[in-house]
Amino acid sequence: MTYSAFGVHPGRSTGVLADVWGRSAVRDVLLTLGAAGAVGLAAQIAIPVPGSPVPITGQTFAVLLAGATLGAARGAAGMIVYVLAGVLGVPWFAAGTSGWPSATAGYLVGFVLAAALTGQLAALGGDRRPSHTIGLMAAGHALIYLVGVPWLAFSTGIDVPAAVGAGLVPYLIGDVLKTLFAAALLPATWLLVHKRTDTHDRY
């Protein structure tokens, strides 16, 4: 799949929402920490899934939204802060847990990679239209599962089909809903930004 499938073009940087009103080192740090905190907060929305160590949470939406709004570097950095702080004892993994989550660690690694991917796609314009945003979100979700599901199989000793059943299938409906919400939210936000910019330019 090429960049053009997401409505973006290599070499044509259009920026991300976080940079619309300027950028500074202090702001970058605050946004990075804010992204980590947002994912930690979203992780507290946790619904256990019978037969699976992976709960349904709001994390993936927060991860991909952070990447899309902050860009690849800050989005990935925010996820690294989230993962390292949680491993070191901050109780903001799913349902207020902390420490090394052996069965679900692959999903955490996937968060870092997915934030970087969605951030790169968004910086190239992939969050400006609903159809393109759907592709951006789908790519981010797919990358999380691409790392998380094999790790789940390896860490628990189950085979890959069983890991798919326990670590992917129960979450697809929620992922679709998150994707549709993002497909409405991100382009609408850009539309508001452009309207405000046009109004400011007139005056």
N, C-alpha and C. Protein backbone atom coordinates (compact mmCIF):
# COMPACT_ATOMS: atom_id res chain seq x y z
N MET A 1 0.85 -1.19 0.00
CA MET A 1 0.00 0.00 0.00
C MET A 1 0.88 1.24 0.00
N THR A 2 0.57 2.20 -0.85
CA THR A 2 1.40 3.39 -1.00
C THR A 2 0.83 4.54 -0.20
N TYR A 3 1.65 5.59 -0.02
CA TYR A 3 1.18 6.78 0.67
C TYR A 3 -0.07 7.36 0.00
N SER A 4 -0.12 7.27 -1.34
CA SER A 4 -1.25 7.87 -2.04
C SER A 4 -2.57 7.22 -1.67
N ALA A 5 -2.52 5.99 -1.16
CA ALA A 5 -3.75 5.32 -0.72
C ALA A 5 -4.37 6.05 0.47
N PHE A 6 -3.55 6.81 1.20
CA PHE A 6 -4.05 7.57 2.33
C PHE A 6 -4.29 9.02 1.96
N GLY A 7 -4.14 9.36 0.68
CA GLY A 7 -4.33 10.72 0.25
C GLY A 7 -3.16 11.63 0.54
N VAL A 8 -1.97 11.05 0.71
CA VAL A 8 -0.79 11.85 1.01
C VAL A 8 0.27 11.62 -0.04
N HIS A 9 1.25 12.50 -0.07
CA HIS A 9 2.28 12.42 -1.09
C HIS A 9 3.64 12.63 -0.44
N PRO A 10 4.58 11.69 -0.59
CA PRO A 10 5.91 11.86 0.00
C PRO A 10 6.55 13.17 -0.45
N GLY A 11 7.18 13.83 0.51
CA GLY A 11 7.88 15.07 0.19
C GLY A 11 7.00 16.30 0.27
N ARG A 12 5.68 16.11 0.44
CA ARG A 12 4.79 17.27 0.55
C ARG A 12 4.31 17.38 1.99
N SER A 13 5.03 18.12 2.80
CA SER A 13 4.71 18.25 4.21
C SER A 13 3.64 19.31 4.42
N THR A 14 2.56 18.97 5.08
CA THR A 14 1.49 19.92 5.31
C THR A 14 1.32 20.24 6.79
N GLY A 15 2.03 19.55 7.66
CA GLY A 15 1.96 19.84 9.08
C GLY A 15 0.84 19.12 9.80
N VAL A 16 0.87 19.23 11.13
CA VAL A 16 -0.13 18.60 11.97
C VAL A 16 -0.86 19.66 12.78
N LEU A 17 -1.95 19.27 13.39
CA LEU A 17 -2.79 20.22 14.11
C LEU A 17 -2.04 20.95 15.23
N ALA A 18 -1.16 20.24 15.91
CA ALA A 18 -0.46 20.84 17.05
C ALA A 18 0.42 22.01 16.65
N ASP A 19 0.78 22.11 15.37
CA ASP A 19 1.69 23.16 14.92
C ASP A 19 0.99 24.34 14.26
N VAL A 20 -0.34 24.31 14.25
CA VAL A 20 -1.07 25.37 13.56
C VAL A 20 -0.76 26.75 14.14
N TRP A 21 -0.63 26.82 15.48
CA TRP A 21 -0.39 28.10 16.12
C TRP A 21 1.05 28.25 16.61
N GLY A 22 1.97 27.60 15.92
CA GLY A 22 3.38 27.77 16.25
C GLY A 22 3.95 26.60 17.03
N ARG A 23 5.27 26.67 17.25
CA ARG A 23 5.95 25.57 17.91
C ARG A 23 7.12 26.10 18.73
N SER A 24 7.36 25.47 19.88
CA SER A 24 8.51 25.80 20.71
C SER A 24 8.93 24.55 21.47
N ALA A 25 10.14 24.57 22.03
CA ALA A 25 10.64 23.42 22.77
C ALA A 25 9.78 23.14 23.99
N VAL A 26 9.40 24.19 24.71
CA VAL A 26 8.57 24.01 25.91
C VAL A 26 7.23 23.41 25.54
N ARG A 27 6.65 23.92 24.47
CA ARG A 27 5.36 23.42 24.01
C ARG A 27 5.47 21.96 23.59
N ASP A 28 6.56 21.60 22.93
CA ASP A 28 6.76 20.21 22.51
C ASP A 28 6.80 19.29 23.71
N VAL A 29 7.50 19.70 24.76
CA VAL A 29 7.60 18.88 25.97
C VAL A 29 6.23 18.72 26.62
N LEU A 30 5.49 19.82 26.72
CA LEU A 30 4.17 19.77 27.34
C LEU A 30 3.22 18.89 26.53
N LEU A 31 3.27 18.99 25.22
CA LEU A 31 2.41 18.17 24.37
C LEU A 31 2.78 16.70 24.47
N THR A 32 4.07 16.40 24.55
CA THR A 32 4.52 15.02 24.68
C THR A 32 4.04 14.41 25.99
N LEU A 33 4.21 15.16 27.08
CA LEU A 33 3.74 14.68 28.38
C LEU A 33 2.21 14.58 28.41
N GLY A 34 1.57 15.53 27.76
CA GLY A 34 0.11 15.48 27.70
C GLY A 34 -0.39 14.26 26.95
N ALA A 35 0.32 13.89 25.88
CA ALA A 35 -0.07 12.69 25.13
C ALA A 35 0.05 11.44 26.00
N ALA A 36 1.14 11.35 26.75
CA ALA A 36 1.31 10.21 27.66
C ALA A 36 0.20 10.17 28.69
N GLY A 37 -0.12 11.33 29.26
CA GLY A 37 -1.18 11.39 30.25
C GLY A 37 -2.55 11.05 29.68
N ALA A 38 -2.80 11.48 28.44
CA ALA A 38 -4.09 11.18 27.81
C ALA A 38 -4.27 9.68 27.60
N VAL A 39 -3.19 9.00 27.19
CA VAL A 39 -3.28 7.56 27.00
C VAL A 39 -3.46 6.87 28.35
N GLY A 40 -2.74 7.36 29.38
CA GLY A 40 -2.92 6.80 30.71
C GLY A 40 -4.33 6.96 31.22
N LEU A 41 -4.94 8.10 30.94
CA LEU A 41 -6.33 8.32 31.34
C LEU A 41 -7.28 7.41 30.57
N ALA A 42 -7.06 7.30 29.26
CA ALA A 42 -7.91 6.44 28.44
C ALA A 42 -7.79 4.98 28.84
N ALA A 43 -6.64 4.60 29.38
CA ALA A 43 -6.44 3.20 29.80
C ALA A 43 -7.31 2.82 30.98
N GLN A 44 -7.82 3.83 31.70
CA GLN A 44 -8.66 3.53 32.85
C GLN A 44 -10.08 3.15 32.44
N ILE A 45 -10.40 3.38 31.18
CA ILE A 45 -11.67 2.87 30.63
C ILE A 45 -11.36 1.44 30.19
N ALA A 46 -11.51 0.49 31.07
CA ALA A 46 -11.09 -0.88 30.81
C ALA A 46 -12.22 -1.86 31.07
N ILE A 47 -12.55 -2.63 30.03
CA ILE A 47 -13.59 -3.64 30.13
C ILE A 47 -12.95 -5.01 29.92
N PRO A 48 -12.96 -5.88 30.93
CA PRO A 48 -12.34 -7.21 30.77
C PRO A 48 -13.01 -8.02 29.67
N VAL A 49 -12.21 -8.79 28.96
CA VAL A 49 -12.71 -9.69 27.92
C VAL A 49 -12.51 -11.12 28.40
N PRO A 50 -13.57 -11.87 28.57
CA PRO A 50 -13.43 -13.24 29.05
C PRO A 50 -12.48 -14.07 28.18
N GLY A 51 -11.54 -14.73 28.82
CA GLY A 51 -10.61 -15.59 28.10
C GLY A 51 -9.45 -14.86 27.47
N SER A 52 -9.31 -13.57 27.73
CA SER A 52 -8.22 -12.80 27.14
C SER A 52 -7.57 -11.91 28.20
N PRO A 53 -6.25 -11.79 28.18
CA PRO A 53 -5.58 -10.87 29.11
C PRO A 53 -5.60 -9.42 28.62
N VAL A 54 -6.21 -9.20 27.47
CA VAL A 54 -6.23 -7.86 26.86
C VAL A 54 -7.62 -7.26 27.04
N PRO A 55 -7.76 -6.24 27.89
CA PRO A 55 -9.09 -5.62 28.07
C PRO A 55 -9.42 -4.68 26.93
N ILE A 56 -10.69 -4.36 26.79
CA ILE A 56 -11.11 -3.30 25.89
C ILE A 56 -10.89 -1.97 26.60
N THR A 57 -10.12 -1.09 25.99
CA THR A 57 -9.84 0.21 26.60
C THR A 57 -9.96 1.32 25.56
N GLY A 58 -9.79 2.54 26.04
CA GLY A 58 -9.77 3.68 25.12
C GLY A 58 -8.36 4.02 24.65
N GLN A 59 -7.38 3.17 24.99
CA GLN A 59 -5.99 3.48 24.69
C GLN A 59 -5.71 3.69 23.22
N THR A 60 -6.15 2.75 22.38
CA THR A 60 -5.75 2.83 20.98
C THR A 60 -6.24 4.12 20.33
N PHE A 61 -7.44 4.55 20.69
CA PHE A 61 -7.94 5.81 20.13
C PHE A 61 -7.05 6.96 20.56
N ALA A 62 -6.68 7.00 21.84
CA ALA A 62 -5.82 8.07 22.34
C ALA A 62 -4.45 8.03 21.69
N VAL A 63 -3.91 6.84 21.49
CA VAL A 63 -2.59 6.68 20.87
C VAL A 63 -2.60 7.23 19.45
N LEU A 64 -3.56 6.79 18.66
CA LEU A 64 -3.59 7.20 17.25
C LEU A 64 -3.96 8.67 17.11
N LEU A 65 -4.81 9.16 17.98
CA LEU A 65 -5.15 10.58 17.94
C LEU A 65 -3.94 11.43 18.33
N ALA A 66 -3.17 10.97 19.30
CA ALA A 66 -1.96 11.69 19.69
C ALA A 66 -0.98 11.75 18.53
N GLY A 67 -0.78 10.62 17.86
CA GLY A 67 0.12 10.61 16.72
C GLY A 67 -0.35 11.55 15.63
N ALA A 68 -1.64 11.50 15.32
CA ALA A 68 -2.16 12.32 14.23
C ALA A 68 -2.10 13.81 14.54
N THR A 69 -2.32 14.19 15.79
CA THR A 69 -2.35 15.61 16.11
C THR A 69 -0.97 16.19 16.43
N LEU A 70 -0.07 15.34 16.95
CA LEU A 70 1.25 15.84 17.35
C LEU A 70 2.33 15.58 16.32
N GLY A 71 2.13 14.62 15.44
CA GLY A 71 3.17 14.25 14.49
C GLY A 71 3.98 13.07 14.98
N ALA A 72 4.82 12.54 14.11
CA ALA A 72 5.53 11.29 14.39
C ALA A 72 6.44 11.37 15.61
N ALA A 73 7.29 12.39 15.68
CA ALA A 73 8.30 12.45 16.74
C ALA A 73 7.67 12.64 18.11
N ARG A 74 6.80 13.62 18.24
CA ARG A 74 6.19 13.88 19.55
C ARG A 74 5.19 12.80 19.92
N GLY A 75 4.47 12.28 18.93
CA GLY A 75 3.53 11.20 19.22
C GLY A 75 4.26 9.97 19.74
N ALA A 76 5.32 9.55 19.06
CA ALA A 76 6.08 8.39 19.50
C ALA A 76 6.75 8.65 20.84
N ALA A 77 7.28 9.87 21.02
CA ALA A 77 7.92 10.20 22.29
C ALA A 77 6.92 10.13 23.45
N GLY A 78 5.71 10.59 23.21
CA GLY A 78 4.68 10.51 24.24
C GLY A 78 4.38 9.07 24.63
N MET A 79 4.36 8.17 23.64
CA MET A 79 4.10 6.77 23.94
C MET A 79 5.27 6.11 24.66
N ILE A 80 6.49 6.54 24.32
CA ILE A 80 7.66 6.03 25.04
C ILE A 80 7.60 6.45 26.50
N VAL A 81 7.23 7.70 26.76
CA VAL A 81 7.07 8.18 28.14
C VAL A 81 6.00 7.35 28.85
N TYR A 82 4.89 7.14 28.18
CA TYR A 82 3.80 6.35 28.77
C TYR A 82 4.26 4.95 29.15
N VAL A 83 4.95 4.28 28.23
CA VAL A 83 5.39 2.90 28.47
C VAL A 83 6.43 2.86 29.59
N LEU A 84 7.46 3.70 29.51
CA LEU A 84 8.53 3.66 30.50
C LEU A 84 8.02 4.02 31.89
N ALA A 85 7.17 5.04 31.97
CA ALA A 85 6.64 5.43 33.27
C ALA A 85 5.78 4.31 33.87
N GLY A 86 4.98 3.67 33.04
CA GLY A 86 4.15 2.57 33.54
C GLY A 86 4.97 1.38 34.00
N VAL A 87 6.00 1.05 33.25
CA VAL A 87 6.88 -0.05 33.63
C VAL A 87 7.60 0.26 34.95
N LEU A 88 7.94 1.53 35.15
CA LEU A 88 8.66 1.94 36.36
C LEU A 88 7.76 2.15 37.57
N GLY A 89 6.45 2.04 37.37
CA GLY A 89 5.58 2.08 38.53
C GLY A 89 4.42 3.04 38.52
N VAL A 90 4.33 3.92 37.52
CA VAL A 90 3.17 4.81 37.45
C VAL A 90 1.93 3.97 37.13
N PRO A 91 0.89 4.00 37.96
CA PRO A 91 -0.25 3.10 37.77
C PRO A 91 -1.24 3.60 36.72
N TRP A 92 -0.78 3.68 35.47
CA TRP A 92 -1.68 4.18 34.43
C TRP A 92 -1.78 3.24 33.23
N PHE A 93 -1.36 2.00 33.39
CA PHE A 93 -1.72 0.99 32.41
C PHE A 93 -3.20 0.63 32.63
N ALA A 94 -3.72 -0.30 31.85
CA ALA A 94 -5.15 -0.63 31.91
C ALA A 94 -5.60 -0.91 33.33
N ALA A 95 -6.69 -0.24 33.74
CA ALA A 95 -7.31 -0.43 35.05
C ALA A 95 -6.37 -0.10 36.21
N GLY A 96 -5.47 0.85 36.01
CA GLY A 96 -4.62 1.31 37.09
C GLY A 96 -3.47 0.40 37.45
N THR A 97 -3.02 -0.43 36.54
CA THR A 97 -1.90 -1.33 36.81
C THR A 97 -0.59 -0.68 36.38
N SER A 98 0.52 -1.31 36.77
CA SER A 98 1.84 -0.83 36.38
C SER A 98 2.78 -2.03 36.34
N GLY A 99 4.06 -1.79 35.99
CA GLY A 99 5.03 -2.87 35.90
C GLY A 99 5.06 -3.44 34.49
N TRP A 100 5.88 -4.46 34.31
CA TRP A 100 6.04 -5.07 32.99
C TRP A 100 4.87 -6.00 32.69
N PRO A 101 4.02 -5.68 31.72
CA PRO A 101 2.86 -6.53 31.41
C PRO A 101 3.25 -7.59 30.38
N SER A 102 3.68 -8.73 30.82
CA SER A 102 4.30 -9.71 29.93
C SER A 102 3.41 -10.08 28.75
N ALA A 103 2.13 -10.29 28.98
CA ALA A 103 1.26 -10.76 27.89
C ALA A 103 0.91 -9.65 26.91
N THR A 104 0.85 -8.42 27.38
CA THR A 104 0.38 -7.33 26.52
C THR A 104 1.48 -6.33 26.16
N ALA A 105 2.73 -6.66 26.46
CA ALA A 105 3.83 -5.74 26.16
C ALA A 105 3.94 -5.43 24.68
N GLY A 106 3.59 -6.39 23.83
CA GLY A 106 3.67 -6.14 22.39
C GLY A 106 2.75 -5.02 21.94
N TYR A 107 1.60 -4.89 22.59
CA TYR A 107 0.69 -3.81 22.24
C TYR A 107 1.31 -2.46 22.60
N LEU A 108 2.04 -2.42 23.72
CA LEU A 108 2.68 -1.18 24.13
C LEU A 108 3.75 -0.76 23.13
N VAL A 109 4.53 -1.73 22.66
CA VAL A 109 5.52 -1.44 21.61
C VAL A 109 4.79 -0.96 20.35
N GLY A 110 3.68 -1.61 20.06
CA GLY A 110 2.88 -1.21 18.90
C GLY A 110 2.36 0.21 19.02
N PHE A 111 2.08 0.66 20.26
CA PHE A 111 1.62 2.04 20.46
C PHE A 111 2.66 3.04 19.95
N VAL A 112 3.91 2.79 20.29
CA VAL A 112 4.99 3.70 19.88
C VAL A 112 5.09 3.75 18.35
N LEU A 113 5.09 2.59 17.73
CA LEU A 113 5.21 2.52 16.27
C LEU A 113 3.99 3.11 15.58
N ALA A 114 2.80 2.83 16.11
CA ALA A 114 1.58 3.32 15.48
C ALA A 114 1.46 4.83 15.60
N ALA A 115 1.89 5.39 16.74
CA ALA A 115 1.86 6.85 16.88
C ALA A 115 2.80 7.50 15.87
N ALA A 116 3.95 6.88 15.67
CA ALA A 116 4.89 7.41 14.68
C ALA A 116 4.31 7.33 13.26
N LEU A 117 3.68 6.21 12.94
CA LEU A 117 3.10 6.03 11.61
C LEU A 117 1.97 7.01 11.35
N THR A 118 1.01 7.07 12.26
CA THR A 118 -0.12 7.98 12.05
C THR A 118 0.34 9.43 12.05
N GLY A 119 1.36 9.74 12.85
CA GLY A 119 1.89 11.09 12.85
C GLY A 119 2.51 11.45 11.52
N GLN A 120 3.24 10.52 10.93
CA GLN A 120 3.85 10.78 9.62
C GLN A 120 2.79 10.95 8.55
N LEU A 121 1.79 10.09 8.55
CA LEU A 121 0.72 10.18 7.56
C LEU A 121 -0.06 11.48 7.71
N ALA A 122 -0.33 11.86 8.96
CA ALA A 122 -1.06 13.10 9.20
C ALA A 122 -0.25 14.31 8.76
N ALA A 123 1.06 14.29 9.01
CA ALA A 123 1.91 15.41 8.61
C ALA A 123 1.95 15.59 7.11
N LEU A 124 1.64 14.53 6.38
CA LEU A 124 1.59 14.60 4.92
C LEU A 124 0.18 14.84 4.39
N GLY A 125 -0.74 15.12 5.30
CA GLY A 125 -2.10 15.47 4.89
C GLY A 125 -3.12 14.36 4.99
N GLY A 126 -2.77 13.25 5.63
CA GLY A 126 -3.67 12.10 5.67
C GLY A 126 -4.82 12.20 6.64
N ASP A 127 -4.95 13.34 7.35
CA ASP A 127 -6.06 13.50 8.30
C ASP A 127 -7.01 14.62 7.88
N ARG A 128 -6.93 15.02 6.61
CA ARG A 128 -7.73 16.17 6.17
C ARG A 128 -9.11 15.78 5.64
N ARG A 129 -9.28 14.55 5.20
CA ARG A 129 -10.56 14.09 4.66
C ARG A 129 -10.99 12.83 5.40
N PRO A 130 -12.30 12.61 5.56
CA PRO A 130 -12.77 11.42 6.27
C PRO A 130 -12.24 10.11 5.67
N SER A 131 -12.27 9.98 4.35
CA SER A 131 -11.83 8.72 3.74
C SER A 131 -10.35 8.48 3.99
N HIS A 132 -9.55 9.54 3.95
CA HIS A 132 -8.12 9.39 4.20
C HIS A 132 -7.85 9.09 5.67
N THR A 133 -8.64 9.71 6.55
CA THR A 133 -8.46 9.47 7.98
C THR A 133 -8.80 8.04 8.33
N ILE A 134 -9.78 7.47 7.66
CA ILE A 134 -10.10 6.05 7.88
C ILE A 134 -8.89 5.18 7.56
N GLY A 135 -8.22 5.48 6.45
CA GLY A 135 -7.02 4.72 6.10
C GLY A 135 -5.91 4.91 7.11
N LEU A 136 -5.74 6.14 7.58
CA LEU A 136 -4.72 6.43 8.59
C LEU A 136 -4.98 5.64 9.87
N MET A 137 -6.21 5.65 10.34
CA MET A 137 -6.55 4.94 11.57
C MET A 137 -6.44 3.43 11.39
N ALA A 138 -6.87 2.94 10.24
CA ALA A 138 -6.77 1.50 9.97
C ALA A 138 -5.32 1.04 9.97
N ALA A 139 -4.45 1.85 9.39
CA ALA A 139 -3.02 1.51 9.37
C ALA A 139 -2.45 1.48 10.78
N GLY A 140 -2.83 2.45 11.60
CA GLY A 140 -2.35 2.48 12.98
C GLY A 140 -2.82 1.29 13.79
N HIS A 141 -4.10 0.96 13.68
CA HIS A 141 -4.63 -0.22 14.38
C HIS A 141 -3.93 -1.49 13.91
N ALA A 142 -3.76 -1.61 12.60
CA ALA A 142 -3.13 -2.81 12.06
C ALA A 142 -1.71 -2.99 12.60
N LEU A 143 -0.98 -1.89 12.72
CA LEU A 143 0.40 -1.99 13.22
C LEU A 143 0.43 -2.41 14.68
N ILE A 144 -0.51 -1.92 15.47
CA ILE A 144 -0.58 -2.33 16.88
C ILE A 144 -0.81 -3.83 16.98
N TYR A 145 -1.74 -4.34 16.20
CA TYR A 145 -2.03 -5.78 16.23
C TYR A 145 -0.88 -6.60 15.64
N LEU A 146 -0.21 -6.04 14.66
CA LEU A 146 0.89 -6.76 14.02
C LEU A 146 2.00 -7.07 15.01
N VAL A 147 2.17 -6.20 15.99
CA VAL A 147 3.17 -6.44 17.04
C VAL A 147 2.54 -7.15 18.23
N GLY A 148 1.35 -6.70 18.62
CA GLY A 148 0.74 -7.20 19.85
C GLY A 148 0.30 -8.65 19.81
N VAL A 149 -0.29 -9.08 18.71
CA VAL A 149 -0.83 -10.45 18.64
C VAL A 149 0.28 -11.50 18.64
N PRO A 150 1.33 -11.38 17.81
CA PRO A 150 2.42 -12.36 17.90
C PRO A 150 3.08 -12.39 19.28
N TRP A 151 3.23 -11.22 19.90
CA TRP A 151 3.81 -11.20 21.24
C TRP A 151 2.91 -11.93 22.23
N LEU A 152 1.61 -11.72 22.11
CA LEU A 152 0.65 -12.42 22.97
C LEU A 152 0.80 -13.93 22.82
N ALA A 153 0.92 -14.38 21.59
CA ALA A 153 1.09 -15.82 21.34
C ALA A 153 2.39 -16.32 21.97
N PHE A 154 3.47 -15.59 21.77
CA PHE A 154 4.78 -16.00 22.29
C PHE A 154 4.80 -16.02 23.82
N SER A 155 4.26 -14.96 24.43
CA SER A 155 4.37 -14.81 25.88
C SER A 155 3.46 -15.77 26.65
N THR A 156 2.36 -16.18 26.04
CA THR A 156 1.41 -17.06 26.73
C THR A 156 1.51 -18.51 26.28
N GLY A 157 2.25 -18.76 25.20
CA GLY A 157 2.42 -20.13 24.72
C GLY A 157 1.26 -20.66 23.91
N ILE A 158 0.35 -19.78 23.48
CA ILE A 158 -0.75 -20.23 22.64
C ILE A 158 -0.36 -20.08 21.17
N ASP A 159 -1.10 -20.74 20.28
CA ASP A 159 -0.77 -20.61 18.86
C ASP A 159 -1.33 -19.31 18.31
N VAL A 160 -0.89 -18.94 17.12
CA VAL A 160 -1.26 -17.65 16.54
C VAL A 160 -2.77 -17.53 16.30
N PRO A 161 -3.45 -18.55 15.76
CA PRO A 161 -4.90 -18.42 15.60
C PRO A 161 -5.62 -18.15 16.92
N ALA A 162 -5.17 -18.81 17.98
CA ALA A 162 -5.78 -18.57 19.29
C ALA A 162 -5.48 -17.15 19.76
N ALA A 163 -4.28 -16.66 19.47
CA ALA A 163 -3.92 -15.29 19.85
C ALA A 163 -4.75 -14.28 19.07
N VAL A 164 -5.02 -14.58 17.82
CA VAL A 164 -5.89 -13.70 17.02
C VAL A 164 -7.28 -13.65 17.63
N GLY A 165 -7.78 -14.81 18.05
CA GLY A 165 -9.10 -14.87 18.66
C GLY A 165 -9.17 -14.15 19.99
N ALA A 166 -8.06 -14.17 20.74
CA ALA A 166 -8.06 -13.56 22.06
C ALA A 166 -7.59 -12.11 22.05
N GLY A 167 -6.75 -11.77 21.07
CA GLY A 167 -6.12 -10.45 21.11
C GLY A 167 -6.44 -9.53 19.96
N LEU A 168 -7.35 -9.94 19.08
CA LEU A 168 -7.70 -9.09 17.93
C LEU A 168 -9.21 -9.06 17.69
N VAL A 169 -9.80 -10.22 17.49
CA VAL A 169 -11.21 -10.30 17.07
C VAL A 169 -12.17 -9.56 18.00
N PRO A 170 -12.02 -9.68 19.33
CA PRO A 170 -13.01 -9.01 20.21
C PRO A 170 -12.99 -7.49 20.13
N TYR A 171 -11.98 -6.93 19.51
CA TYR A 171 -11.80 -5.48 19.55
C TYR A 171 -12.12 -4.79 18.23
N LEU A 172 -12.47 -5.57 17.22
CA LEU A 172 -12.64 -4.99 15.89
C LEU A 172 -13.82 -4.04 15.80
N ILE A 173 -14.92 -4.38 16.44
CA ILE A 173 -16.08 -3.49 16.40
C ILE A 173 -15.75 -2.15 17.05
N GLY A 174 -15.08 -2.20 18.19
CA GLY A 174 -14.67 -0.97 18.85
C GLY A 174 -13.71 -0.17 18.00
N ASP A 175 -12.80 -0.85 17.31
CA ASP A 175 -11.85 -0.15 16.45
C ASP A 175 -12.56 0.55 15.30
N VAL A 176 -13.58 -0.10 14.76
CA VAL A 176 -14.35 0.53 13.69
C VAL A 176 -15.02 1.80 14.19
N LEU A 177 -15.61 1.74 15.38
CA LEU A 177 -16.27 2.92 15.94
C LEU A 177 -15.27 4.04 16.22
N LYS A 178 -14.09 3.69 16.75
CA LYS A 178 -13.05 4.69 17.00
C LYS A 178 -12.60 5.33 15.69
N THR A 179 -12.47 4.50 14.66
CA THR A 179 -12.03 5.00 13.36
C THR A 179 -13.05 5.97 12.77
N LEU A 180 -14.32 5.62 12.86
CA LEU A 180 -15.36 6.50 12.32
C LEU A 180 -15.42 7.81 13.09
N PHE A 181 -15.23 7.74 14.40
CA PHE A 181 -15.23 8.96 15.20
C PHE A 181 -14.07 9.86 14.80
N ALA A 182 -12.89 9.27 14.64
CA ALA A 182 -11.72 10.05 14.22
C ALA A 182 -11.91 10.61 12.83
N ALA A 183 -12.57 9.85 11.95
CA ALA A 183 -12.80 10.31 10.58
C ALA A 183 -13.73 11.51 10.54
N ALA A 184 -14.54 11.65 11.58
CA ALA A 184 -15.38 12.85 11.68
C ALA A 184 -14.64 13.97 12.41
N LEU A 185 -13.90 13.62 13.47
CA LEU A 185 -13.28 14.62 14.34
C LEU A 185 -12.12 15.35 13.68
N LEU A 186 -11.17 14.62 13.11
CA LEU A 186 -9.96 15.27 12.60
C LEU A 186 -10.23 16.18 11.40
N PRO A 187 -10.93 15.71 10.36
CA PRO A 187 -11.22 16.62 9.25
C PRO A 187 -12.07 17.82 9.68
N ALA A 188 -13.01 17.61 10.62
CA ALA A 188 -13.83 18.72 11.09
C ALA A 188 -12.98 19.75 11.81
N THR A 189 -12.00 19.29 12.57
CA THR A 189 -11.11 20.21 13.27
C THR A 189 -10.29 21.02 12.27
N TRP A 190 -9.78 20.36 11.23
CA TRP A 190 -9.05 21.09 10.20
C TRP A 190 -9.94 22.12 9.50
N LEU A 191 -11.18 21.76 9.28
CA LEU A 191 -12.11 22.69 8.64
C LEU A 191 -12.29 23.95 9.50
N LEU A 192 -12.42 23.76 10.81
CA LEU A 192 -12.54 24.90 11.72
C LEU A 192 -11.27 25.74 11.71
N VAL A 193 -10.13 25.07 11.68
CA VAL A 193 -8.85 25.79 11.64
C VAL A 193 -8.77 26.66 10.39
N HIS A 194 -9.13 26.10 9.25
CA HIS A 194 -9.06 26.85 8.00
C HIS A 194 -10.04 28.03 8.01
N LYS A 195 -11.22 27.83 8.59
CA LYS A 195 -12.19 28.92 8.66
C LYS A 195 -11.68 30.05 9.53
N ARG A 196 -11.09 29.69 10.67
CA ARG A 196 -10.55 30.72 11.57
C ARG A 196 -9.38 31.45 10.92
N THR A 197 -8.54 30.69 10.18
CA THR A 197 -7.41 31.31 9.52
C THR A 197 -7.88 32.27 8.44
N ASP A 198 -8.90 31.85 7.66
CA ASP A 198 -9.43 32.71 6.61
C ASP A 198 -10.04 33.99 7.20
N THR A 199 -10.76 33.83 8.32
CA THR A 199 -11.37 35.00 8.97
C THR A 199 -10.31 35.96 9.47
N HIS A 200 -9.25 35.40 10.06
CA HIS A 200 -8.15 36.24 10.57
C HIS A 200 -7.45 36.99 9.44
N ASP A 201 -7.27 36.29 8.30
CA ASP A 201 -6.61 36.92 7.17
C ASP A 201 -7.42 38.10 6.61
N ARG A 202 -8.74 37.99 6.68
CA ARG A 202 -9.57 39.06 6.16
C ARG A 202 -9.42 40.35 6.98
N TYR A 203 -9.15 40.12 8.27
CA TYR A 203 -9.10 41.30 9.16
C TYR A 203 -7.65 41.66 9.52
